[in-house]
């Protein structure tokens, strides 16, 4: 796709978050002009400093809640975007179980608003941040896009499934939106510059930040939940996708939507590596890649954990002409460099 004239603007909700900030970099590299919308309830303003260091300039950012209809309408009117990438959402599985109404309101109301505003301002291209959580514990591996969705294990996971259904039903009703929902697996890593990365607020809920914080001495030890699963070493298996590769997938999705014929359309695509890695192998690979030992203990299984899930990425390779490039070791090395930067 050739971009000409002024760089086309793309609204990026949650653009200061982990995946959003890396996607902002990929958008600029691809010739787009990202416009961040982020209320910083689940991110840090320091991400904007990191983006400035990488890009050599500021990125437009509205520090507002993307559920405010008047403000969002003003942004659409002022910026005249050609597309939206929607990341903004609460994402802590445990918190969603304790506060389900917060998750249903915060994760679904902005989606409804965006789908209402986009046709009003003739914006057609929409990339939705979905998740492999919609698959639950699949009967067959690897997971394809045709794998049946199972009842969600948490309100967070349910908001992703409901979000997909909302978009599908809107498109079925011929709302003039071309949409792709990207079901991604487990994002890890950081930008190679160590200027942006994952900033978990409080105790990390994800494996890799817990590994890096334990290696850094911030956490006394890492608990591996269960070593008696039916997997190569007894620990859970996940598909770990580098955040830079994931960001590039969003840009590819956007390009494909722009190229697609006019008219309502919707599809879902898995974004992963196609490889499953055990928890213990991730720890071992981290130690080999960084030369730093990780103090870990084996604990009991954790309720709600899926034994193993990894993606079939054939559709992403074919439809998006995209594939993951970065190795697990590279991702973990970048995550460690980011952790060291945070400690300075």
C-alpha atoms as a PDB file:
ATOM      1  CA  UNK A   1       0.000   0.000   0.000  1.00  0.00           C
ATOM      2  CA  UNK A   2       1.313   3.429  -0.912  1.00  0.00           C
ATOM      3  CA  UNK A   3       0.586   6.374   1.379  1.00  0.00           C
ATOM      4  CA  UNK A   4       0.761   9.770  -0.253  1.00  0.00           C
ATOM      5  CA  UNK A   5       0.356  13.371   0.874  1.00  0.00           C
ATOM      6  CA  UNK A   6      -0.106  14.134   4.545  1.00  0.00           C
ATOM      7  CA  UNK A   7       0.217  11.125   6.798  1.00  0.00           C
ATOM      8  CA  UNK A   8      -3.237   9.595   7.407  1.00  0.00           C
ATOM      9  CA  UNK A   9      -4.317   9.912  11.032  1.00  0.00           C
ATOM     10  CA  UNK A  10      -5.187   6.868  13.150  1.00  0.00           C
ATOM     11  CA  UNK A  11      -6.863   7.146  16.558  1.00  0.00           C
ATOM     12  CA  UNK A  12      -5.182   4.798  19.044  1.00  0.00           C
ATOM     13  CA  UNK A  13      -7.234   4.358  22.216  1.00  0.00           C
ATOM     14  CA  UNK A  14      -5.058   3.160  25.069  1.00  0.00           C
ATOM     15  CA  UNK A  15      -2.081   4.323  23.021  1.00  0.00           C
ATOM     16  CA  UNK A  16       0.127   4.929  26.056  1.00  0.00           C
ATOM     17  CA  UNK A  17      -0.219   1.340  27.243  1.00  0.00           C
ATOM     18  CA  UNK A  18       2.133  -1.587  26.655  1.00  0.00           C
ATOM     19  CA  UNK A  19       0.876  -2.750  23.272  1.00  0.00           C
ATOM     20  CA  UNK A  20      -0.555   0.620  22.275  1.00  0.00           C
ATOM     21  CA  UNK A  21       2.723   2.521  22.655  1.00  0.00           C
ATOM     22  CA  UNK A  22       4.634  -0.002  20.544  1.00  0.00           C
ATOM     23  CA  UNK A  23       1.895   0.169  17.905  1.00  0.00           C
ATOM     24  CA  UNK A  24       2.265   3.954  17.829  1.00  0.00           C
ATOM     25  CA  UNK A  25       5.936   3.454  16.865  1.00  0.00           C
ATOM     26  CA  UNK A  26       5.017   0.932  14.162  1.00  0.00           C
ATOM     27  CA  UNK A  27       2.346   3.278  12.787  1.00  0.00           C
ATOM     28  CA  UNK A  28       4.830   6.144  12.432  1.00  0.00           C
ATOM     29  CA  UNK A  29       7.367   3.813  10.806  1.00  0.00           C
ATOM     30  CA  UNK A  30       4.666   2.804   8.296  1.00  0.00           C
ATOM     31  CA  UNK A  31       3.827   6.398   7.358  1.00  0.00           C
ATOM     32  CA  UNK A  32       0.745   6.969   9.525  1.00  0.00           C
ATOM     33  CA  UNK A  33       0.150   9.736  12.078  1.00  0.00           C
ATOM     34  CA  UNK A  34      -1.106   8.188  15.336  1.00  0.00           C
ATOM     35  CA  UNK A  35      -3.308  10.184  17.687  1.00  0.00           C
ATOM     36  CA  UNK A  36      -3.280   8.749  21.215  1.00  0.00           C
ATOM     37  CA  UNK A  37      -6.371   8.758  23.426  1.00  0.00           C
ATOM     38  CA  UNK A  38      -5.515   7.569  26.948  1.00  0.00           C
ATOM     39  CA  UNK A  39      -6.736   8.631  30.404  1.00  0.00           C
ATOM     40  CA  UNK A  40      -3.634   7.063  32.054  1.00  0.00           C
ATOM     41  CA  UNK A  41      -5.761   5.030  34.465  1.00  0.00           C
ATOM     42  CA  UNK A  42      -3.813   1.911  33.473  1.00  0.00           C
ATOM     43  CA  UNK A  43      -0.659   3.443  31.984  1.00  0.00           C
ATOM     44  CA  UNK A  44       2.007   6.040  32.751  1.00  0.00           C
ATOM     45  CA  UNK A  45       2.733   9.406  31.140  1.00  0.00           C
ATOM     46  CA  UNK A  46       6.389   8.370  30.987  1.00  0.00           C
ATOM     47  CA  UNK A  47       5.424   6.325  27.923  1.00  0.00           C
ATOM     48  CA  UNK A  48       5.100   9.625  26.050  1.00  0.00           C
ATOM     49  CA  UNK A  49       8.699  10.463  26.981  1.00  0.00           C
ATOM     50  CA  UNK A  50       9.793   7.076  25.673  1.00  0.00           C
ATOM     51  CA  UNK A  51       7.925   7.631  22.412  1.00  0.00           C
ATOM     52  CA  UNK A  52       9.590  11.034  22.031  1.00  0.00           C
ATOM     53  CA  UNK A  53      13.014   9.440  22.542  1.00  0.00           C
ATOM     54  CA  UNK A  54      12.337   6.795  19.888  1.00  0.00           C
ATOM     55  CA  UNK A  55      10.589   8.985  17.318  1.00  0.00           C
ATOM     56  CA  UNK A  56      12.468  12.248  17.870  1.00  0.00           C
ATOM     57  CA  UNK A  57       9.210  14.182  18.226  1.00  0.00           C
ATOM     58  CA  UNK A  58       5.990  14.323  20.188  1.00  0.00           C
ATOM     59  CA  UNK A  59       2.860  12.381  19.295  1.00  0.00           C
ATOM     60  CA  UNK A  60      -0.528  14.049  19.693  1.00  0.00           C
ATOM     61  CA  UNK A  61      -2.148  12.765  22.872  1.00  0.00           C
ATOM     62  CA  UNK A  62      -5.554  13.474  24.390  1.00  0.00           C
ATOM     63  CA  UNK A  63      -5.525  12.635  28.106  1.00  0.00           C
ATOM     64  CA  UNK A  64      -9.230  11.843  28.227  1.00  0.00           C
ATOM     65  CA  UNK A  65     -11.568   8.909  28.824  1.00  0.00           C
ATOM     66  CA  UNK A  66     -12.636   7.422  25.505  1.00  0.00           C
ATOM     67  CA  UNK A  67     -16.109   6.853  26.972  1.00  0.00           C
ATOM     68  CA  UNK A  68     -16.891  10.589  26.949  1.00  0.00           C
ATOM     69  CA  UNK A  69     -19.164  11.061  23.939  1.00  0.00           C
ATOM     70  CA  UNK A  70     -18.771  14.839  23.581  1.00  0.00           C
ATOM     71  CA  UNK A  71     -14.981  14.762  23.873  1.00  0.00           C
ATOM     72  CA  UNK A  72     -14.671  11.834  21.472  1.00  0.00           C
ATOM     73  CA  UNK A  73     -16.907  13.538  18.918  1.00  0.00           C
ATOM     74  CA  UNK A  74     -14.701  16.636  19.131  1.00  0.00           C
ATOM     75  CA  UNK A  75     -11.592  14.512  18.550  1.00  0.00           C
ATOM     76  CA  UNK A  76     -13.135  12.815  15.502  1.00  0.00           C
ATOM     77  CA  UNK A  77     -14.150  16.235  14.145  1.00  0.00           C
ATOM     78  CA  UNK A  78     -10.781  17.874  14.777  1.00  0.00           C
ATOM     79  CA  UNK A  79      -8.431  15.047  13.757  1.00  0.00           C
ATOM     80  CA  UNK A  80     -10.415  13.526  10.848  1.00  0.00           C
ATOM     81  CA  UNK A  81      -8.871  10.053  11.202  1.00  0.00           C
ATOM     82  CA  UNK A  82      -9.149   7.333   8.572  1.00  0.00           C
ATOM     83  CA  UNK A  83      -9.054   4.512  11.120  1.00  0.00           C
ATOM     84  CA  UNK A  84      -9.219   3.478  14.771  1.00  0.00           C
ATOM     85  CA  UNK A  85      -7.162   0.919  16.698  1.00  0.00           C
ATOM     86  CA  UNK A  86      -8.991   0.193  19.941  1.00  0.00           C
ATOM     87  CA  UNK A  87      -6.820  -1.017  22.838  1.00  0.00           C
ATOM     88  CA  UNK A  88      -8.334   0.864  25.787  1.00  0.00           C
ATOM     89  CA  UNK A  89      -9.631  -1.641  28.339  1.00  0.00           C
ATOM     90  CA  UNK A  90      -9.124  -2.906  31.853  1.00  0.00           C
ATOM     91  CA  UNK A  91      -7.297  -6.216  31.644  1.00  0.00           C
ATOM     92  CA  UNK A  92      -6.575  -7.768  35.065  1.00  0.00           C
ATOM     93  CA  UNK A  93      -8.329 -11.151  35.197  1.00  0.00           C
ATOM     94  CA  UNK A  94      -8.391 -11.314  39.002  1.00  0.00           C
ATOM     95  CA  UNK A  95      -9.747  -7.796  39.420  1.00  0.00           C
ATOM     96  CA  UNK A  96     -12.444  -8.503  36.830  1.00  0.00           C
ATOM     97  CA  UNK A  97     -13.741 -11.368  38.973  1.00  0.00           C
ATOM     98  CA  UNK A  98     -13.944  -9.044  41.995  1.00  0.00           C
ATOM     99  CA  UNK A  99     -15.302  -6.030  40.055  1.00  0.00           C
ATOM    100  CA  UNK A 100     -17.274  -7.384  37.090  1.00  0.00           C
ATOM    101  CA  UNK A 101     -19.490  -4.318  36.581  1.00  0.00           C
ATOM    102  CA  UNK A 102     -16.418  -2.067  36.275  1.00  0.00           C
ATOM    103  CA  UNK A 103     -15.097  -4.330  33.524  1.00  0.00           C
ATOM    104  CA  UNK A 104     -18.360  -4.551  31.594  1.00  0.00           C
ATOM    105  CA  UNK A 105     -18.776  -0.769  31.696  1.00  0.00           C
ATOM    106  CA  UNK A 106     -15.171   0.215  30.954  1.00  0.00           C
ATOM    107  CA  UNK A 107     -14.520  -2.432  28.304  1.00  0.00           C
ATOM    108  CA  UNK A 108     -17.809  -2.313  26.389  1.00  0.00           C
ATOM    109  CA  UNK A 109     -19.190   1.241  26.589  1.00  0.00           C
ATOM    110  CA  UNK A 110     -16.227   2.812  24.696  1.00  0.00           C
ATOM    111  CA  UNK A 111     -16.544   0.157  21.974  1.00  0.00           C
ATOM    112  CA  UNK A 112     -20.226   1.000  21.498  1.00  0.00           C
ATOM    113  CA  UNK A 113     -19.400   4.700  21.361  1.00  0.00           C
ATOM    114  CA  UNK A 114     -16.670   4.216  18.749  1.00  0.00           C
ATOM    115  CA  UNK A 115     -18.985   2.148  16.531  1.00  0.00           C
ATOM    116  CA  UNK A 116     -21.603   4.902  16.801  1.00  0.00           C
ATOM    117  CA  UNK A 117     -19.183   7.743  16.056  1.00  0.00           C
ATOM    118  CA  UNK A 118     -17.217   6.167  13.209  1.00  0.00           C
ATOM    119  CA  UNK A 119     -20.065   6.233  10.647  1.00  0.00           C
ATOM    120  CA  UNK A 120     -20.970   9.801  11.673  1.00  0.00           C
ATOM    121  CA  UNK A 121     -17.476  10.927  10.676  1.00  0.00           C
ATOM    122  CA  UNK A 122     -17.042   8.569   7.707  1.00  0.00           C
ATOM    123  CA  UNK A 123     -14.347   6.479   9.412  1.00  0.00           C
ATOM    124  CA  UNK A 124     -14.457   2.887   8.173  1.00  0.00           C
ATOM    125  CA  UNK A 125     -11.315   1.075   9.331  1.00  0.00           C
ATOM    126  CA  UNK A 126     -11.403  -0.516  12.792  1.00  0.00           C
ATOM    127  CA  UNK A 127      -8.891  -2.839  14.478  1.00  0.00           C
ATOM    128  CA  UNK A 128     -10.091  -4.366  17.755  1.00  0.00           C
ATOM    129  CA  UNK A 129      -7.798  -5.695  20.461  1.00  0.00           C
ATOM    130  CA  UNK A 130      -9.208  -9.123  21.303  1.00  0.00           C
ATOM    131  CA  UNK A 131      -7.599 -12.065  23.088  1.00  0.00           C
ATOM    132  CA  UNK A 132      -7.008 -15.797  23.009  1.00  0.00           C
ATOM    133  CA  UNK A 133      -8.964 -15.888  26.299  1.00  0.00           C
ATOM    134  CA  UNK A 134     -12.079 -16.350  24.137  1.00  0.00           C
ATOM    135  CA  UNK A 135     -10.931 -19.930  23.422  1.00  0.00           C
ATOM    136  CA  UNK A 136     -10.723 -21.069  27.067  1.00  0.00           C
ATOM    137  CA  UNK A 137      -9.105 -24.516  27.293  1.00  0.00           C
ATOM    138  CA  UNK A 138      -9.442 -25.755  23.702  1.00  0.00           C
ATOM    139  CA  UNK A 139      -9.935 -29.443  22.964  1.00  0.00           C
ATOM    140  CA  UNK A 140      -7.533 -29.393  20.035  1.00  0.00           C
ATOM    141  CA  UNK A 141      -4.219 -27.596  19.499  1.00  0.00           C
ATOM    142  CA  UNK A 142      -3.042 -25.458  17.873  1.00  0.00           C
ATOM    143  CA  UNK A 143      -6.005 -23.067  18.010  1.00  0.00           C
ATOM    144  CA  UNK A 144      -7.433 -21.888  14.696  1.00  0.00           C
ATOM    145  CA  UNK A 145      -9.935 -19.084  14.170  1.00  0.00           C
ATOM    146  CA  UNK A 146     -12.568 -21.785  13.654  1.00  0.00           C
ATOM    147  CA  UNK A 147     -11.908 -23.286  17.112  1.00  0.00           C
ATOM    148  CA  UNK A 148     -15.167 -22.898  19.063  1.00  0.00           C
ATOM    149  CA  UNK A 149     -15.186 -20.143  21.630  1.00  0.00           C
ATOM    150  CA  UNK A 150     -15.823 -21.511  25.114  1.00  0.00           C
ATOM    151  CA  UNK A 151     -17.488 -19.760  28.071  1.00  0.00           C
ATOM    152  CA  UNK A 152     -15.053 -17.204  29.435  1.00  0.00           C
ATOM    153  CA  UNK A 153     -13.129 -17.973  32.623  1.00  0.00           C
ATOM    154  CA  UNK A 154     -13.476 -14.361  33.818  1.00  0.00           C
ATOM    155  CA  UNK A 155     -15.500 -11.192  33.221  1.00  0.00           C
ATOM    156  CA  UNK A 156     -12.409  -9.772  31.464  1.00  0.00           C
ATOM    157  CA  UNK A 157     -12.399 -12.635  28.985  1.00  0.00           C
ATOM    158  CA  UNK A 158     -16.148 -12.288  28.555  1.00  0.00           C
ATOM    159  CA  UNK A 159     -15.804  -8.610  27.630  1.00  0.00           C
ATOM    160  CA  UNK A 160     -13.537  -9.632  24.750  1.00  0.00           C
ATOM    161  CA  UNK A 161     -16.035 -12.240  23.520  1.00  0.00           C
ATOM    162  CA  UNK A 162     -18.950  -9.803  23.855  1.00  0.00           C
ATOM    163  CA  UNK A 163     -16.877  -7.105  22.147  1.00  0.00           C
ATOM    164  CA  UNK A 164     -16.340  -9.383  19.161  1.00  0.00           C
ATOM    165  CA  UNK A 165     -20.081 -10.134  19.039  1.00  0.00           C
ATOM    166  CA  UNK A 166     -20.957  -6.428  19.160  1.00  0.00           C
ATOM    167  CA  UNK A 167     -18.714  -5.714  16.174  1.00  0.00           C
ATOM    168  CA  UNK A 168     -20.036  -8.733  14.257  1.00  0.00           C
ATOM    169  CA  UNK A 169     -23.659  -7.705  14.861  1.00  0.00           C
ATOM    170  CA  UNK A 170     -22.957  -4.085  13.893  1.00  0.00           C
ATOM    171  CA  UNK A 171     -21.385  -5.227  10.626  1.00  0.00           C
ATOM    172  CA  UNK A 172     -24.262  -7.650   9.993  1.00  0.00           C
ATOM    173  CA  UNK A 173     -26.604  -4.664  10.351  1.00  0.00           C
ATOM    174  CA  UNK A 174     -24.552  -2.974   7.602  1.00  0.00           C
ATOM    175  CA  UNK A 175     -23.044  -0.272   9.772  1.00  0.00           C
ATOM    176  CA  UNK A 176     -20.354   0.951   7.331  1.00  0.00           C
ATOM    177  CA  UNK A 177     -17.323  -0.324   9.221  1.00  0.00           C
ATOM    178  CA  UNK A 178     -14.562  -2.646   8.033  1.00  0.00           C
ATOM    179  CA  UNK A 179     -13.304  -4.409  11.159  1.00  0.00           C
ATOM    180  CA  UNK A 180     -10.656  -6.918  12.158  1.00  0.00           C
ATOM    181  CA  UNK A 181     -10.491  -8.422  15.651  1.00  0.00           C
ATOM    182  CA  UNK A 182      -6.980  -9.605  16.481  1.00  0.00           C
ATOM    183  CA  UNK A 183      -6.990 -12.451  18.999  1.00  0.00           C
ATOM    184  CA  UNK A 184      -3.552 -12.271  20.461  1.00  0.00           C
ATOM    185  CA  UNK A 185      -1.831 -14.661  22.708  1.00  0.00           C
ATOM    186  CA  UNK A 186       0.752 -13.611  25.341  1.00  0.00           C
ATOM    187  CA  UNK A 187       2.563 -10.349  24.529  1.00  0.00           C
ATOM    188  CA  UNK A 188       6.065 -10.041  26.016  1.00  0.00           C
ATOM    189  CA  UNK A 189       9.277  -8.081  25.507  1.00  0.00           C
ATOM    190  CA  UNK A 190       9.915  -4.381  25.046  1.00  0.00           C
ATOM    191  CA  UNK A 191      11.144  -2.005  22.380  1.00  0.00           C
ATOM    192  CA  UNK A 192      14.834  -2.777  21.608  1.00  0.00           C
ATOM    193  CA  UNK A 193      15.710   0.810  22.579  1.00  0.00           C
ATOM    194  CA  UNK A 194      14.488   0.120  26.153  1.00  0.00           C
ATOM    195  CA  UNK A 195      12.552   3.406  25.961  1.00  0.00           C
ATOM    196  CA  UNK A 196       9.105   1.791  26.262  1.00  0.00           C
ATOM    197  CA  UNK A 197       7.914  -1.523  27.693  1.00  0.00           C
ATOM    198  CA  UNK A 198       5.447  -3.131  30.052  1.00  0.00           C
ATOM    199  CA  UNK A 199       4.645  -1.081  33.157  1.00  0.00           C
ATOM    200  CA  UNK A 200       2.528  -3.265  35.438  1.00  0.00           C
ATOM    201  CA  UNK A 201       0.900  -1.240  38.202  1.00  0.00           C
ATOM    202  CA  UNK A 202       1.446  -3.069  41.495  1.00  0.00           C
ATOM    203  CA  UNK A 203       2.179  -6.810  41.530  1.00  0.00           C
ATOM    204  CA  UNK A 204       2.547  -8.088  37.937  1.00  0.00           C
ATOM    205  CA  UNK A 205      -0.202 -10.391  36.713  1.00  0.00           C
ATOM    206  CA  UNK A 206       1.880 -11.597  33.753  1.00  0.00           C
ATOM    207  CA  UNK A 207       4.793 -14.040  33.821  1.00  0.00           C
ATOM    208  CA  UNK A 208       7.602 -12.057  32.170  1.00  0.00           C
ATOM    209  CA  UNK A 209       7.376  -8.865  34.292  1.00  0.00           C
ATOM    210  CA  UNK A 210       7.334 -11.132  37.345  1.00  0.00           C
ATOM    211  CA  UNK A 211      10.476 -12.861  36.058  1.00  0.00           C
ATOM    212  CA  UNK A 212      12.278  -9.568  35.428  1.00  0.00           C
ATOM    213  CA  UNK A 213      11.245  -8.100  38.792  1.00  0.00           C
ATOM    214  CA  UNK A 214      12.377 -11.271  40.572  1.00  0.00           C
ATOM    215  CA  UNK A 215      15.691 -11.228  38.703  1.00  0.00           C
ATOM    216  CA  UNK A 216      16.084  -7.581  39.715  1.00  0.00           C
ATOM    217  CA  UNK A 217      15.471  -8.369  43.380  1.00  0.00           C
ATOM    218  CA  UNK A 218      12.178  -6.449  43.539  1.00  0.00           C
ATOM    219  CA  UNK A 219      10.303  -9.702  44.237  1.00  0.00           C
ATOM    220  CA  UNK A 220      11.853 -12.344  46.525  1.00  0.00           C
ATOM    221  CA  UNK A 221      10.776 -15.238  44.314  1.00  0.00           C
ATOM    222  CA  UNK A 222       8.525 -16.286  41.471  1.00  0.00           C
ATOM    223  CA  UNK A 223       5.843 -18.902  42.080  1.00  0.00           C
ATOM    224  CA  UNK A 224       5.270 -21.366  39.252  1.00  0.00           C
ATOM    225  CA  UNK A 225       1.662 -22.473  39.644  1.00  0.00           C
ATOM    226  CA  UNK A 226       1.615 -26.242  39.180  1.00  0.00           C
ATOM    227  CA  UNK A 227       4.133 -28.677  37.715  1.00  0.00           C
ATOM    228  CA  UNK A 228       1.804 -31.634  37.252  1.00  0.00           C
ATOM    229  CA  UNK A 229       0.038 -30.614  34.038  1.00  0.00           C
ATOM    230  CA  UNK A 230       0.070 -32.870  30.977  1.00  0.00           C
ATOM    231  CA  UNK A 231       2.852 -30.865  29.300  1.00  0.00           C
ATOM    232  CA  UNK A 232       6.539 -31.588  28.540  1.00  0.00           C
ATOM    233  CA  UNK A 233       7.754 -30.436  31.978  1.00  0.00           C
ATOM    234  CA  UNK A 234       4.444 -30.288  33.867  1.00  0.00           C
ATOM    235  CA  UNK A 235       4.055 -26.487  33.702  1.00  0.00           C
ATOM    236  CA  UNK A 236       1.513 -24.494  31.703  1.00  0.00           C
ATOM    237  CA  UNK A 237       2.124 -23.822  28.011  1.00  0.00           C
ATOM    238  CA  UNK A 238       1.532 -20.459  26.334  1.00  0.00           C
ATOM    239  CA  UNK A 239       2.297 -18.769  23.010  1.00  0.00           C
ATOM    240  CA  UNK A 240       4.541 -15.770  23.773  1.00  0.00           C
ATOM    241  CA  UNK A 241       4.484 -13.094  21.071  1.00  0.00           C
ATOM    242  CA  UNK A 242       6.989 -10.227  20.996  1.00  0.00           C
ATOM    243  CA  UNK A 243       5.247  -6.884  21.444  1.00  0.00           C
ATOM    244  CA  UNK A 244       7.068  -5.331  18.478  1.00  0.00           C
ATOM    245  CA  UNK A 245       5.883  -8.161  16.216  1.00  0.00           C
ATOM    246  CA  UNK A 246       2.389  -7.730  17.655  1.00  0.00           C
ATOM    247  CA  UNK A 247       2.469  -3.987  16.975  1.00  0.00           C
ATOM    248  CA  UNK A 248       3.471  -4.640  13.368  1.00  0.00           C
ATOM    249  CA  UNK A 249       0.507  -7.023  13.036  1.00  0.00           C
ATOM    250  CA  UNK A 250      -1.853  -4.177  13.930  1.00  0.00           C
ATOM    251  CA  UNK A 251      -0.364  -2.008  11.212  1.00  0.00           C
ATOM    252  CA  UNK A 252      -0.687  -4.816   8.683  1.00  0.00           C
ATOM    253  CA  UNK A 253      -4.313  -5.306   9.715  1.00  0.00           C
ATOM    254  CA  UNK A 254      -4.973  -1.597   9.251  1.00  0.00           C
ATOM    255  CA  UNK A 255      -3.361  -1.594   5.809  1.00  0.00           C
ATOM    256  CA  UNK A 256      -5.454  -4.571   4.705  1.00  0.00           C
ATOM    257  CA  UNK A 257      -8.643  -2.828   5.848  1.00  0.00           C
ATOM    258  CA  UNK A 258      -7.723   0.340   3.946  1.00  0.00           C
ATOM    259  CA  UNK A 259      -7.109  -1.733   0.806  1.00  0.00           C
ATOM    260  CA  UNK A 260     -10.365  -3.701   1.202  1.00  0.00           C
ATOM    261  CA  UNK A 261     -13.442  -2.803  -0.873  1.00  0.00           C
ATOM    262  CA  UNK A 262     -16.001  -0.357   0.551  1.00  0.00           C
ATOM    263  CA  UNK A 263     -18.766  -1.878   2.648  1.00  0.00           C
ATOM    264  CA  UNK A 264     -19.252  -3.535   6.003  1.00  0.00           C
ATOM    265  CA  UNK A 265     -16.938  -6.438   6.799  1.00  0.00           C
ATOM    266  CA  UNK A 266     -15.661  -8.311   9.842  1.00  0.00           C
ATOM    267  CA  UNK A 267     -13.107 -11.026  10.483  1.00  0.00           C
ATOM    268  CA  UNK A 268     -11.006 -12.453  13.328  1.00  0.00           C
ATOM    269  CA  UNK A 269      -7.320 -13.382  13.141  1.00  0.00           C
ATOM    270  CA  UNK A 270      -5.008 -15.110  15.624  1.00  0.00           C
ATOM    271  CA  UNK A 271      -1.761 -13.293  16.377  1.00  0.00           C
ATOM    272  CA  UNK A 272       0.925 -15.480  17.918  1.00  0.00           C
ATOM    273  CA  UNK A 273       4.082 -17.388  17.053  1.00  0.00           C
ATOM    274  CA  UNK A 274       2.488 -20.784  16.529  1.00  0.00           C
ATOM    275  CA  UNK A 275       4.799 -22.235  19.204  1.00  0.00           C
ATOM    276  CA  UNK A 276       3.938 -23.218  22.759  1.00  0.00           C
ATOM    277  CA  UNK A 277       6.483 -22.615  25.539  1.00  0.00           C
ATOM    278  CA  UNK A 278       6.306 -23.973  29.077  1.00  0.00           C
ATOM    279  CA  UNK A 279       6.712 -21.662  32.062  1.00  0.00           C
ATOM    280  CA  UNK A 280       9.915 -23.419  33.095  1.00  0.00           C
ATOM    281  CA  UNK A 281      11.356 -23.094  29.606  1.00  0.00           C
ATOM    282  CA  UNK A 282      10.645 -19.355  29.634  1.00  0.00           C
ATOM    283  CA  UNK A 283      12.539 -19.056  32.932  1.00  0.00           C
ATOM    284  CA  UNK A 284      15.420 -21.154  31.582  1.00  0.00           C
ATOM    285  CA  UNK A 285      15.570 -19.141  28.343  1.00  0.00           C
ATOM    286  CA  UNK A 286      15.602 -15.895  30.323  1.00  0.00           C
ATOM    287  CA  UNK A 287      18.545 -17.132  32.416  1.00  0.00           C
ATOM    288  CA  UNK A 288      20.444 -18.207  29.299  1.00  0.00           C
ATOM    289  CA  UNK A 289      19.717 -14.965  27.427  1.00  0.00           C
ATOM    290  CA  UNK A 290      20.658 -12.627  30.283  1.00  0.00           C
ATOM    291  CA  UNK A 291      23.062 -14.596  32.491  1.00  0.00           C
ATOM    292  CA  UNK A 292      20.851 -13.770  35.489  1.00  0.00           C
ATOM    293  CA  UNK A 293      19.357 -16.471  37.719  1.00  0.00           C
ATOM    294  CA  UNK A 294      15.672 -16.385  38.677  1.00  0.00           C
ATOM    295  CA  UNK A 295      14.674 -17.565  42.152  1.00  0.00           C
ATOM    296  CA  UNK A 296      11.469 -19.567  41.701  1.00  0.00           C
ATOM    297  CA  UNK A 297       9.395 -22.033  43.700  1.00  0.00           C
ATOM    298  CA  UNK A 298       6.804 -24.572  42.588  1.00  0.00           C
ATOM    299  CA  UNK A 299       3.367 -23.866  44.016  1.00  0.00           C
ATOM    300  CA  UNK A 300      -0.055 -25.484  43.642  1.00  0.00           C
ATOM    301  CA  UNK A 301      -2.138 -25.040  40.538  1.00  0.00           C
ATOM    302  CA  UNK A 302      -3.951 -21.703  40.282  1.00  0.00           C
ATOM    303  CA  UNK A 303      -7.716 -21.733  39.764  1.00  0.00           C
ATOM    304  CA  UNK A 304      -8.755 -20.747  36.260  1.00  0.00           C
ATOM    305  CA  UNK A 305      -5.394 -21.371  34.592  1.00  0.00           C
ATOM    306  CA  UNK A 306      -5.629 -22.994  31.170  1.00  0.00           C
ATOM    307  CA  UNK A 307      -3.236 -25.941  30.799  1.00  0.00           C
ATOM    308  CA  UNK A 308      -1.975 -25.077  27.339  1.00  0.00           C
ATOM    309  CA  UNK A 309      -2.926 -22.843  24.445  1.00  0.00           C
ATOM    310  CA  UNK A 310      -1.025 -21.752  21.362  1.00  0.00           C
ATOM    311  CA  UNK A 311      -1.998 -20.373  17.992  1.00  0.00           C
ATOM    312  CA  UNK A 312      -2.299 -21.645  14.480  1.00  0.00           C
ATOM    313  CA  UNK A 313      -1.108 -18.535  12.628  1.00  0.00           C
ATOM    314  CA  UNK A 314      -1.764 -19.729   9.074  1.00  0.00           C
ATOM    315  CA  UNK A 315      -4.503 -17.142   8.572  1.00  0.00           C
ATOM    316  CA  UNK A 316      -2.335 -14.253   9.813  1.00  0.00           C
ATOM    317  CA  UNK A 317       0.448 -15.362   7.458  1.00  0.00           C
ATOM    318  CA  UNK A 318      -1.967 -15.523   4.514  1.00  0.00           C
ATOM    319  CA  UNK A 319      -4.389 -12.646   5.084  1.00  0.00           C
ATOM    320  CA  UNK A 320      -2.090 -10.108   6.740  1.00  0.00           C
ATOM    321  CA  UNK A 321       1.130 -11.272   5.060  1.00  0.00           C
ATOM    322  CA  UNK A 322       2.620 -11.128   8.552  1.00  0.00           C
ATOM    323  CA  UNK A 323       4.581 -13.517  10.745  1.00  0.00           C
ATOM    324  CA  UNK A 324       6.384 -13.241  14.075  1.00  0.00           C
ATOM    325  CA  UNK A 325      10.096 -12.624  13.600  1.00  0.00           C
ATOM    326  CA  UNK A 326      11.637 -12.207  17.047  1.00  0.00           C
ATOM    327  CA  UNK A 327      12.787 -15.196  19.123  1.00  0.00           C
ATOM    328  CA  UNK A 328      11.825 -15.900  22.727  1.00  0.00           C
ATOM    329  CA  UNK A 329      15.411 -15.161  23.799  1.00  0.00           C
ATOM    330  CA  UNK A 330      15.382 -11.757  22.046  1.00  0.00           C
ATOM    331  CA  UNK A 331      12.064 -10.843  23.659  1.00  0.00           C
ATOM    332  CA  UNK A 332      13.295 -11.798  27.119  1.00  0.00           C
ATOM    333  CA  UNK A 333      16.573  -9.920  26.644  1.00  0.00           C
ATOM    334  CA  UNK A 334      14.634  -6.798  25.648  1.00  0.00           C
ATOM    335  CA  UNK A 335      12.322  -7.219  28.648  1.00  0.00           C
ATOM    336  CA  UNK A 336      15.370  -7.429  30.950  1.00  0.00           C
ATOM    337  CA  UNK A 337      16.984  -4.348  29.391  1.00  0.00           C
ATOM    338  CA  UNK A 338      13.707  -2.493  29.969  1.00  0.00           C
ATOM    339  CA  UNK A 339      13.632  -3.637  33.598  1.00  0.00           C
ATOM    340  CA  UNK A 340      17.201  -2.393  34.097  1.00  0.00           C
ATOM    341  CA  UNK A 341      16.247   0.960  32.561  1.00  0.00           C
ATOM    342  CA  UNK A 342      13.368   1.273  35.024  1.00  0.00           C
ATOM    343  CA  UNK A 343      15.745   0.742  37.939  1.00  0.00           C
ATOM    344  CA  UNK A 344      18.087   3.582  36.940  1.00  0.00           C
END
